[in-house]
Amino acid sequence: MPISIKEVIHDLGFDVFTLHDFNMLGILNGELAKITLKEKAIIITLDSDFLQLNKSLQKKSRIVYIKIHPRDPKKIRELLSNGLKKYTSKLNTPCKLIITEDDTTFDVIK
């Protein structure tokens, strides 16, 4: 995730931490998911692999996936800002929010 996206998330009222902040670049997705569960955090990512976490992690995780190509930081900021404004109140339970240029899909994970 481009560091510039951090500002957008912060401006929407969220505490934001990146892997870079914690010197955790290269951490395995499953390990990151476990940390976010412990910290009650939401994963916001451009990496579709987070949609394929093992079932036990998926059932507990809150994931926002931005699917965009090419990865234009300006467009990512716009999509994320609009998606988070619309779905913030629903991100308190395990879910997947998939944001594309054409559509946004929200699924509660059970």
C-alpha atoms as a PDB file:
ATOM      1  CA  MET A   1       0.000   0.000   0.000  1.00  0.00           C
ATOM      2  CA  PRO A   2       1.468   3.383  -0.908  1.00  0.00           C
ATOM      3  CA  ILE A   3       2.372   5.397   2.198  1.00  0.00           C
ATOM      4  CA  SER A   4       0.337   8.334   0.828  1.00  0.00           C
ATOM      5  CA  ILE A   5      -2.820   6.286   1.433  1.00  0.00           C
ATOM      6  CA  LYS A   6      -2.130   6.434   5.166  1.00  0.00           C
ATOM      7  CA  GLU A   7      -3.213  10.105   5.218  1.00  0.00           C
ATOM      8  CA  VAL A   8      -6.608   9.310   3.690  1.00  0.00           C
ATOM      9  CA  ILE A   9      -7.344   6.648   6.279  1.00  0.00           C
ATOM     10  CA  HIS A  10      -6.196   8.908   9.120  1.00  0.00           C
ATOM     11  CA  ASP A  11      -8.311  11.793   7.807  1.00  0.00           C
ATOM     12  CA  LEU A  12     -11.369   9.531   8.010  1.00  0.00           C
ATOM     13  CA  GLY A  13     -10.776   9.170  11.752  1.00  0.00           C
ATOM     14  CA  PHE A  14      -8.885   5.891  11.908  1.00  0.00           C
ATOM     15  CA  ASP A  15      -5.619   5.138  13.665  1.00  0.00           C
ATOM     16  CA  VAL A  16      -3.301   3.958  10.912  1.00  0.00           C
ATOM     17  CA  PHE A  17      -0.210   1.815  11.095  1.00  0.00           C
ATOM     18  CA  THR A  18       1.676   0.336   8.180  1.00  0.00           C
ATOM     19  CA  LEU A  19       4.064  -2.572   7.985  1.00  0.00           C
ATOM     20  CA  HIS A  20       6.738   0.020   7.330  1.00  0.00           C
ATOM     21  CA  ASP A  21       5.951   1.738  10.667  1.00  0.00           C
ATOM     22  CA  PHE A  22       6.695  -1.494  12.536  1.00  0.00           C
ATOM     23  CA  ASN A  23       9.592  -2.590  10.321  1.00  0.00           C
ATOM     24  CA  MET A  24       7.580  -5.676   9.363  1.00  0.00           C
ATOM     25  CA  LEU A  25       7.931  -5.599   5.580  1.00  0.00           C
ATOM     26  CA  GLY A  26       7.954  -9.155   4.268  1.00  0.00           C
ATOM     27  CA  ILE A  27       5.803 -10.621   7.063  1.00  0.00           C
ATOM     28  CA  LEU A  28       3.667 -13.578   6.017  1.00  0.00           C
ATOM     29  CA  ASN A  29       0.010 -12.738   5.365  1.00  0.00           C
ATOM     30  CA  GLY A  30      -1.213 -15.227   7.966  1.00  0.00           C
ATOM     31  CA  GLU A  31       1.063 -13.745  10.616  1.00  0.00           C
ATOM     32  CA  LEU A  32      -0.149 -10.241   9.776  1.00  0.00           C
ATOM     33  CA  ALA A  33      -3.751 -11.413  10.017  1.00  0.00           C
ATOM     34  CA  LYS A  34      -3.071 -12.843  13.495  1.00  0.00           C
ATOM     35  CA  ILE A  35      -1.552  -9.533  14.613  1.00  0.00           C
ATOM     36  CA  THR A  36      -4.504  -7.535  13.267  1.00  0.00           C
ATOM     37  CA  LEU A  37      -6.900  -9.820  15.130  1.00  0.00           C
ATOM     38  CA  LYS A  38      -4.986  -9.307  18.357  1.00  0.00           C
ATOM     39  CA  GLU A  39      -4.953  -5.531  17.832  1.00  0.00           C
ATOM     40  CA  LYS A  40      -8.576  -5.445  16.594  1.00  0.00           C
ATOM     41  CA  ALA A  41      -7.352  -3.825  13.395  1.00  0.00           C
ATOM     42  CA  ILE A  42      -8.566  -3.864   9.807  1.00  0.00           C
ATOM     43  CA  ILE A  43      -6.342  -5.027   6.958  1.00  0.00           C
ATOM     44  CA  ILE A  44      -6.377  -2.592   4.033  1.00  0.00           C
ATOM     45  CA  THR A  45      -4.484  -3.999   1.091  1.00  0.00           C
ATOM     46  CA  LEU A  46      -3.825  -4.123  -2.636  1.00  0.00           C
ATOM     47  CA  ASP A  47      -2.836  -7.802  -2.276  1.00  0.00           C
ATOM     48  CA  SER A  48      -5.600 -10.228  -3.303  1.00  0.00           C
ATOM     49  CA  ASP A  49      -3.863 -13.030  -1.378  1.00  0.00           C
ATOM     50  CA  PHE A  50      -5.524 -11.692   1.784  1.00  0.00           C
ATOM     51  CA  LEU A  51      -8.844 -12.849   0.338  1.00  0.00           C
ATOM     52  CA  GLN A  52      -7.474 -16.412   0.462  1.00  0.00           C
ATOM     53  CA  LEU A  53      -6.427 -16.626   4.120  1.00  0.00           C
ATOM     54  CA  ASN A  54      -7.127 -19.938   5.817  1.00  0.00           C
ATOM     55  CA  LYS A  55     -10.739 -20.309   6.914  1.00  0.00           C
ATOM     56  CA  SER A  56     -10.104 -19.846  10.639  1.00  0.00           C
ATOM     57  CA  LEU A  57      -8.456 -16.457   9.993  1.00  0.00           C
ATOM     58  CA  GLN A  58     -11.033 -15.434   7.376  1.00  0.00           C
ATOM     59  CA  LYS A  59     -13.877 -16.015   9.830  1.00  0.00           C
ATOM     60  CA  LYS A  60     -12.375 -13.437  12.200  1.00  0.00           C
ATOM     61  CA  SER A  61     -10.666 -10.904   9.916  1.00  0.00           C
ATOM     62  CA  ARG A  62     -11.802  -7.583   8.552  1.00  0.00           C
ATOM     63  CA  ILE A  63     -10.276  -7.019   5.131  1.00  0.00           C
ATOM     64  CA  VAL A  64     -10.537  -4.104   2.728  1.00  0.00           C
ATOM     65  CA  TYR A  65      -9.099  -5.037  -0.657  1.00  0.00           C
ATOM     66  CA  ILE A  66      -8.598  -2.392  -3.337  1.00  0.00           C
ATOM     67  CA  LYS A  67      -8.453  -3.979  -6.789  1.00  0.00           C
ATOM     68  CA  ILE A  68      -7.006  -1.501  -9.241  1.00  0.00           C
ATOM     69  CA  HIS A  69      -4.615  -1.610 -12.174  1.00  0.00           C
ATOM     70  CA  PRO A  70      -2.497   0.298 -12.749  1.00  0.00           C
ATOM     71  CA  ARG A  71      -1.877   1.198  -9.108  1.00  0.00           C
ATOM     72  CA  ASP A  72      -2.417   4.929  -9.251  1.00  0.00           C
ATOM     73  CA  PRO A  73      -2.090   6.377  -5.707  1.00  0.00           C
ATOM     74  CA  LYS A  74      -4.465   9.245  -6.515  1.00  0.00           C
ATOM     75  CA  LYS A  75      -7.171   6.863  -7.741  1.00  0.00           C
ATOM     76  CA  ILE A  76      -6.552   4.496  -4.806  1.00  0.00           C
ATOM     77  CA  ARG A  77      -7.043   7.381  -2.354  1.00  0.00           C
ATOM     78  CA  GLU A  78     -10.313   8.324  -4.037  1.00  0.00           C
ATOM     79  CA  LEU A  79     -11.679   4.766  -4.108  1.00  0.00           C
ATOM     80  CA  LEU A  80     -10.643   4.066  -0.527  1.00  0.00           C
ATOM     81  CA  SER A  81     -12.039   7.325   0.782  1.00  0.00           C
ATOM     82  CA  ASN A  82     -15.417   6.729  -0.864  1.00  0.00           C
ATOM     83  CA  GLY A  83     -15.533   3.066   0.190  1.00  0.00           C
ATOM     84  CA  LEU A  84     -14.607   3.720   3.803  1.00  0.00           C
ATOM     85  CA  LYS A  85     -17.066   6.598   4.128  1.00  0.00           C
ATOM     86  CA  LYS A  86     -19.872   4.349   2.921  1.00  0.00           C
ATOM     87  CA  TYR A  87     -18.971   1.185   4.854  1.00  0.00           C
ATOM     88  CA  THR A  88     -17.212   2.361   8.043  1.00  0.00           C
ATOM     89  CA  SER A  89     -20.131   1.428  10.288  1.00  0.00           C
ATOM     90  CA  LYS A  90     -20.164  -2.121   8.879  1.00  0.00           C
ATOM     91  CA  LEU A  91     -16.460  -2.814   9.409  1.00  0.00           C
ATOM     92  CA  ASN A  92     -16.911  -3.763  13.069  1.00  0.00           C
ATOM     93  CA  THR A  93     -17.569  -7.441  12.293  1.00  0.00           C
ATOM     94  CA  PRO A  94     -15.557  -9.968  10.256  1.00  0.00           C
ATOM     95  CA  CYS A  95     -15.987  -8.990   6.625  1.00  0.00           C
ATOM     96  CA  LYS A  96     -14.498  -8.466   3.211  1.00  0.00           C
ATOM     97  CA  LEU A  97     -14.897  -5.116   1.497  1.00  0.00           C
ATOM     98  CA  ILE A  98     -13.716  -5.282  -2.104  1.00  0.00           C
ATOM     99  CA  ILE A  99     -13.370  -1.948  -3.856  1.00  0.00           C
ATOM    100  CA  THR A 100     -12.846  -1.648  -7.613  1.00  0.00           C
ATOM    101  CA  GLU A 101     -13.161   1.252 -10.006  1.00  0.00           C
ATOM    102  CA  ASP A 102     -16.555  -0.069 -11.125  1.00  0.00           C
ATOM    103  CA  ASP A 103     -18.070  -1.605  -8.012  1.00  0.00           C
ATOM    104  CA  THR A 104     -17.857  -2.171  -4.268  1.00  0.00           C
ATOM    105  CA  THR A 105     -18.763  -5.504  -2.686  1.00  0.00           C
ATOM    106  CA  PHE A 106     -19.326  -6.006   1.034  1.00  0.00           C
ATOM    107  CA  ASP A 107     -19.604  -9.510   2.483  1.00  0.00           C
ATOM    108  CA  VAL A 108     -20.052 -10.416   6.129  1.00  0.00           C
ATOM    109  CA  ILE A 109     -17.976 -13.492   6.938  1.00  0.00           C
ATOM    110  CA  LYS A 110     -19.707 -16.195   8.952  1.00  0.00           C
END
